Amino acid sequence: MILEVATLNIKAGLSTDFEKAFSEAQKIIASMDGYNSHQLKKCMEKTDKDILLVNWETLESHTKGFRSSAAYQDWKKLLHHFYEPFTIFEHYEEIKNN
């Protein structure tokens, strides 16, 4: 399992509009092969900052499957214009203890 962490800096004053758009966009990501779950969390200290946590089966489920899909174009139309600066995406894997 891979955890995608996306820091979302929303343009000032657009958080409510972003949340409405995300309500629609989350249906897109949830329908993708390799998707497991997601959470959108709002920063308590900075009202226009969120994080998106997405659990994927594999790194390629996100980077190749989702990002190369036609559905990703719909995702971009719904959400990408809200970000300033653009989102940083990072991927994390479980540390295996022996």
N, C-alpha and C. Protein backbone atom coordinates (compact mmCIF):
# COMPACT_ATOMS: atom_id res chain seq x y z
N MET A 1 0.85 -1.18 0.00
CA MET A 1 0.00 0.00 0.00
C MET A 1 0.89 1.24 0.00
N ILE A 2 0.52 2.20 -0.82
CA ILE A 2 1.24 3.47 -0.95
C ILE A 2 0.32 4.60 -0.49
N LEU A 3 0.87 5.52 0.28
CA LEU A 3 0.12 6.70 0.72
C LEU A 3 0.59 7.90 -0.09
N GLU A 4 -0.32 8.50 -0.82
CA GLU A 4 -0.05 9.76 -1.51
C GLU A 4 -0.44 10.89 -0.56
N VAL A 5 0.47 11.84 -0.37
CA VAL A 5 0.21 13.01 0.47
C VAL A 5 0.32 14.24 -0.42
N ALA A 6 -0.77 14.98 -0.53
CA ALA A 6 -0.80 16.19 -1.35
C ALA A 6 -1.12 17.38 -0.45
N THR A 7 -0.21 18.34 -0.43
CA THR A 7 -0.45 19.58 0.30
C THR A 7 -1.14 20.54 -0.65
N LEU A 8 -2.33 20.98 -0.26
CA LEU A 8 -3.17 21.80 -1.12
C LEU A 8 -3.25 23.21 -0.55
N ASN A 9 -2.61 24.13 -1.21
CA ASN A 9 -2.70 25.55 -0.84
C ASN A 9 -3.78 26.18 -1.71
N ILE A 10 -4.92 26.45 -1.10
CA ILE A 10 -6.08 26.97 -1.82
C ILE A 10 -5.97 28.49 -1.91
N LYS A 11 -6.30 29.04 -3.07
CA LYS A 11 -6.28 30.49 -3.23
C LYS A 11 -7.19 31.13 -2.17
N ALA A 12 -6.73 32.23 -1.62
CA ALA A 12 -7.44 32.91 -0.53
C ALA A 12 -8.90 33.14 -0.87
N GLY A 13 -9.76 32.76 0.06
CA GLY A 13 -11.18 33.00 -0.08
C GLY A 13 -11.94 31.98 -0.91
N LEU A 14 -11.24 30.96 -1.43
CA LEU A 14 -11.90 29.99 -2.31
C LEU A 14 -12.10 28.61 -1.67
N SER A 15 -11.84 28.49 -0.38
CA SER A 15 -11.94 27.18 0.27
C SER A 15 -13.32 26.56 0.17
N THR A 16 -14.36 27.35 0.34
CA THR A 16 -15.72 26.81 0.26
C THR A 16 -16.01 26.30 -1.15
N ASP A 17 -15.61 27.05 -2.16
CA ASP A 17 -15.79 26.62 -3.55
C ASP A 17 -14.97 25.37 -3.84
N PHE A 18 -13.75 25.32 -3.31
CA PHE A 18 -12.92 24.13 -3.48
C PHE A 18 -13.59 22.91 -2.87
N GLU A 19 -14.11 23.04 -1.67
CA GLU A 19 -14.75 21.90 -1.00
C GLU A 19 -15.95 21.39 -1.79
N LYS A 20 -16.71 22.28 -2.39
CA LYS A 20 -17.84 21.86 -3.24
C LYS A 20 -17.33 21.10 -4.46
N ALA A 21 -16.29 21.63 -5.10
CA ALA A 21 -15.72 20.97 -6.28
C ALA A 21 -15.11 19.62 -5.89
N PHE A 22 -14.46 19.56 -4.72
CA PHE A 22 -13.86 18.30 -4.29
C PHE A 22 -14.93 17.25 -4.02
N SER A 23 -16.08 17.68 -3.55
CA SER A 23 -17.18 16.75 -3.31
C SER A 23 -17.52 15.98 -4.59
N GLU A 24 -17.46 16.65 -5.72
CA GLU A 24 -17.68 16.00 -7.02
C GLU A 24 -16.45 15.22 -7.46
N ALA A 25 -15.28 15.81 -7.31
CA ALA A 25 -14.03 15.19 -7.78
C ALA A 25 -13.70 13.90 -7.05
N GLN A 26 -14.07 13.79 -5.78
CA GLN A 26 -13.72 12.58 -5.04
C GLN A 26 -14.38 11.33 -5.64
N LYS A 27 -15.49 11.51 -6.33
CA LYS A 27 -16.13 10.38 -7.01
C LYS A 27 -15.24 9.85 -8.13
N ILE A 28 -14.50 10.75 -8.76
CA ILE A 28 -13.60 10.37 -9.85
C ILE A 28 -12.47 9.50 -9.32
N ILE A 29 -11.79 9.99 -8.31
CA ILE A 29 -10.63 9.25 -7.78
C ILE A 29 -11.06 7.92 -7.17
N ALA A 30 -12.21 7.91 -6.53
CA ALA A 30 -12.69 6.68 -5.88
C ALA A 30 -13.03 5.59 -6.89
N SER A 31 -13.23 5.95 -8.14
CA SER A 31 -13.59 4.97 -9.16
C SER A 31 -12.37 4.36 -9.86
N MET A 32 -11.17 4.81 -9.52
CA MET A 32 -9.97 4.38 -10.23
C MET A 32 -9.46 3.02 -9.75
N ASP A 33 -8.91 2.24 -10.69
CA ASP A 33 -8.27 0.98 -10.34
C ASP A 33 -7.09 1.26 -9.41
N GLY A 34 -6.95 0.46 -8.38
CA GLY A 34 -5.85 0.62 -7.44
C GLY A 34 -6.11 1.59 -6.32
N TYR A 35 -7.24 2.28 -6.36
CA TYR A 35 -7.62 3.21 -5.28
C TYR A 35 -8.16 2.40 -4.11
N ASN A 36 -7.78 2.81 -2.88
CA ASN A 36 -8.31 2.17 -1.67
C ASN A 36 -9.16 3.10 -0.83
N SER A 37 -8.64 4.30 -0.54
CA SER A 37 -9.38 5.23 0.32
C SER A 37 -8.72 6.61 0.23
N HIS A 38 -9.44 7.60 0.75
CA HIS A 38 -8.86 8.94 0.83
C HIS A 38 -9.46 9.71 1.99
N GLN A 39 -8.73 10.76 2.39
CA GLN A 39 -9.19 11.70 3.40
C GLN A 39 -8.75 13.08 2.98
N LEU A 40 -9.62 14.06 3.14
CA LEU A 40 -9.27 15.46 2.94
C LEU A 40 -9.32 16.11 4.31
N LYS A 41 -8.22 16.73 4.72
CA LYS A 41 -8.11 17.35 6.04
C LYS A 41 -7.80 18.83 5.90
N LYS A 42 -8.50 19.65 6.68
CA LYS A 42 -8.30 21.10 6.68
C LYS A 42 -7.33 21.48 7.80
N CYS A 43 -6.38 22.32 7.47
CA CYS A 43 -5.42 22.81 8.45
C CYS A 43 -6.14 23.72 9.45
N MET A 44 -5.86 23.52 10.70
CA MET A 44 -6.50 24.32 11.74
C MET A 44 -5.87 25.70 11.88
N GLU A 45 -4.58 25.82 11.54
CA GLU A 45 -3.88 27.09 11.68
C GLU A 45 -4.01 27.98 10.44
N LYS A 46 -4.14 27.38 9.27
CA LYS A 46 -4.22 28.13 8.02
C LYS A 46 -5.48 27.70 7.27
N THR A 47 -6.46 28.57 7.23
CA THR A 47 -7.78 28.20 6.71
C THR A 47 -7.80 27.84 5.24
N ASP A 48 -6.82 28.28 4.47
CA ASP A 48 -6.79 27.98 3.04
C ASP A 48 -5.77 26.90 2.71
N LYS A 49 -5.52 26.00 3.66
CA LYS A 49 -4.56 24.92 3.45
C LYS A 49 -5.20 23.60 3.87
N ASP A 50 -5.12 22.62 2.97
CA ASP A 50 -5.64 21.28 3.23
C ASP A 50 -4.56 20.27 2.89
N ILE A 51 -4.76 19.04 3.34
CA ILE A 51 -3.97 17.93 2.83
C ILE A 51 -4.93 16.86 2.33
N LEU A 52 -4.52 16.22 1.27
CA LEU A 52 -5.27 15.10 0.72
C LEU A 52 -4.41 13.85 0.90
N LEU A 53 -4.96 12.85 1.53
CA LEU A 53 -4.28 11.58 1.77
C LEU A 53 -5.02 10.51 0.97
N VAL A 54 -4.30 9.85 0.07
CA VAL A 54 -4.93 8.82 -0.76
C VAL A 54 -4.12 7.54 -0.63
N ASN A 55 -4.80 6.45 -0.32
CA ASN A 55 -4.17 5.13 -0.27
C ASN A 55 -4.37 4.43 -1.60
N TRP A 56 -3.25 4.06 -2.21
CA TRP A 56 -3.23 3.35 -3.50
C TRP A 56 -2.62 1.98 -3.30
N GLU A 57 -3.02 1.03 -4.12
CA GLU A 57 -2.43 -0.31 -4.09
C GLU A 57 -0.94 -0.25 -4.41
N THR A 58 -0.59 0.50 -5.47
CA THR A 58 0.80 0.63 -5.91
C THR A 58 1.07 2.08 -6.31
N LEU A 59 2.32 2.43 -6.41
CA LEU A 59 2.70 3.76 -6.89
C LEU A 59 2.16 3.97 -8.30
N GLU A 60 2.26 2.95 -9.14
CA GLU A 60 1.81 3.05 -10.52
C GLU A 60 0.29 3.25 -10.63
N SER A 61 -0.46 2.79 -9.65
CA SER A 61 -1.91 3.03 -9.65
C SER A 61 -2.19 4.53 -9.71
N HIS A 62 -1.36 5.31 -9.03
CA HIS A 62 -1.52 6.76 -9.04
C HIS A 62 -0.82 7.40 -10.23
N THR A 63 0.49 7.13 -10.35
CA THR A 63 1.31 7.85 -11.32
C THR A 63 1.01 7.49 -12.77
N LYS A 64 0.64 6.25 -13.02
CA LYS A 64 0.36 5.82 -14.40
C LYS A 64 -1.13 5.63 -14.62
N GLY A 65 -1.78 4.89 -13.73
CA GLY A 65 -3.20 4.61 -13.91
C GLY A 65 -4.06 5.86 -13.84
N PHE A 66 -4.04 6.54 -12.72
CA PHE A 66 -4.88 7.73 -12.54
C PHE A 66 -4.40 8.90 -13.38
N ARG A 67 -3.13 9.22 -13.28
CA ARG A 67 -2.61 10.41 -13.97
C ARG A 67 -2.65 10.29 -15.49
N SER A 68 -2.69 9.08 -16.02
CA SER A 68 -2.74 8.89 -17.47
C SER A 68 -4.16 8.70 -17.99
N SER A 69 -5.13 8.75 -17.10
CA SER A 69 -6.51 8.44 -17.49
C SER A 69 -7.26 9.67 -17.99
N ALA A 70 -8.31 9.42 -18.75
CA ALA A 70 -9.21 10.50 -19.18
C ALA A 70 -9.90 11.13 -17.96
N ALA A 71 -10.16 10.32 -16.95
CA ALA A 71 -10.81 10.83 -15.73
C ALA A 71 -9.95 11.88 -15.03
N TYR A 72 -8.63 11.76 -15.17
CA TYR A 72 -7.73 12.74 -14.56
C TYR A 72 -7.94 14.13 -15.16
N GLN A 73 -8.26 14.19 -16.44
CA GLN A 73 -8.53 15.47 -17.08
C GLN A 73 -9.75 16.15 -16.45
N ASP A 74 -10.76 15.36 -16.10
CA ASP A 74 -11.94 15.90 -15.40
C ASP A 74 -11.56 16.38 -14.00
N TRP A 75 -10.72 15.60 -13.31
CA TRP A 75 -10.21 15.97 -11.99
C TRP A 75 -9.50 17.32 -12.05
N LYS A 76 -8.61 17.46 -13.04
CA LYS A 76 -7.86 18.71 -13.21
C LYS A 76 -8.80 19.89 -13.44
N LYS A 77 -9.81 19.72 -14.28
CA LYS A 77 -10.74 20.82 -14.57
C LYS A 77 -11.49 21.25 -13.31
N LEU A 78 -11.83 20.29 -12.49
CA LEU A 78 -12.57 20.60 -11.27
C LEU A 78 -11.72 21.28 -10.20
N LEU A 79 -10.43 20.90 -10.10
CA LEU A 79 -9.66 21.29 -8.91
C LEU A 79 -8.42 22.14 -9.13
N HIS A 80 -7.71 21.95 -10.21
CA HIS A 80 -6.37 22.54 -10.31
C HIS A 80 -6.36 24.07 -10.30
N HIS A 81 -7.41 24.71 -10.71
CA HIS A 81 -7.43 26.18 -10.72
C HIS A 81 -7.55 26.79 -9.31
N PHE A 82 -7.78 25.95 -8.31
CA PHE A 82 -7.87 26.45 -6.93
C PHE A 82 -6.51 26.58 -6.24
N TYR A 83 -5.45 25.99 -6.79
CA TYR A 83 -4.18 25.89 -6.09
C TYR A 83 -3.23 27.05 -6.40
N GLU A 84 -2.63 27.58 -5.33
CA GLU A 84 -1.63 28.66 -5.48
C GLU A 84 -0.70 28.63 -4.27
N PRO A 85 0.53 28.19 -4.37
CA PRO A 85 1.17 27.61 -5.55
C PRO A 85 0.62 26.21 -5.81
N PHE A 86 1.07 25.61 -6.93
CA PHE A 86 0.55 24.31 -7.30
C PHE A 86 0.95 23.26 -6.25
N THR A 87 0.16 22.25 -6.17
CA THR A 87 0.28 21.20 -5.17
C THR A 87 1.57 20.39 -5.30
N ILE A 88 2.12 20.03 -4.17
CA ILE A 88 3.24 19.09 -4.11
C ILE A 88 2.68 17.73 -3.71
N PHE A 89 3.00 16.72 -4.52
CA PHE A 89 2.57 15.35 -4.25
C PHE A 89 3.79 14.53 -3.83
N GLU A 90 3.63 13.76 -2.76
CA GLU A 90 4.68 12.85 -2.32
C GLU A 90 4.04 11.50 -2.02
N HIS A 91 4.84 10.46 -2.14
CA HIS A 91 4.37 9.11 -1.92
C HIS A 91 5.17 8.45 -0.80
N TYR A 92 4.48 7.72 0.05
CA TYR A 92 5.10 7.09 1.20
C TYR A 92 4.73 5.62 1.24
N GLU A 93 5.69 4.81 1.71
CA GLU A 93 5.43 3.40 1.88
C GLU A 93 5.69 3.01 3.33
N GLU A 94 5.11 1.93 3.73
CA GLU A 94 5.26 1.41 5.09
C GLU A 94 6.71 1.01 5.33
N ILE A 95 7.20 1.29 6.51
CA ILE A 95 8.51 0.81 6.92
C ILE A 95 8.32 -0.59 7.46
N LYS A 96 9.03 -1.52 6.88
CA LYS A 96 8.89 -2.92 7.30
C LYS A 96 9.88 -3.22 8.42
N ASN A 97 9.35 -3.60 9.56
CA ASN A 97 10.20 -3.96 10.70
C ASN A 97 10.46 -5.45 10.67
N ASN A 98 11.69 -5.84 10.95
CA ASN A 98 12.05 -7.28 10.97
C ASN A 98 11.76 -7.89 12.30
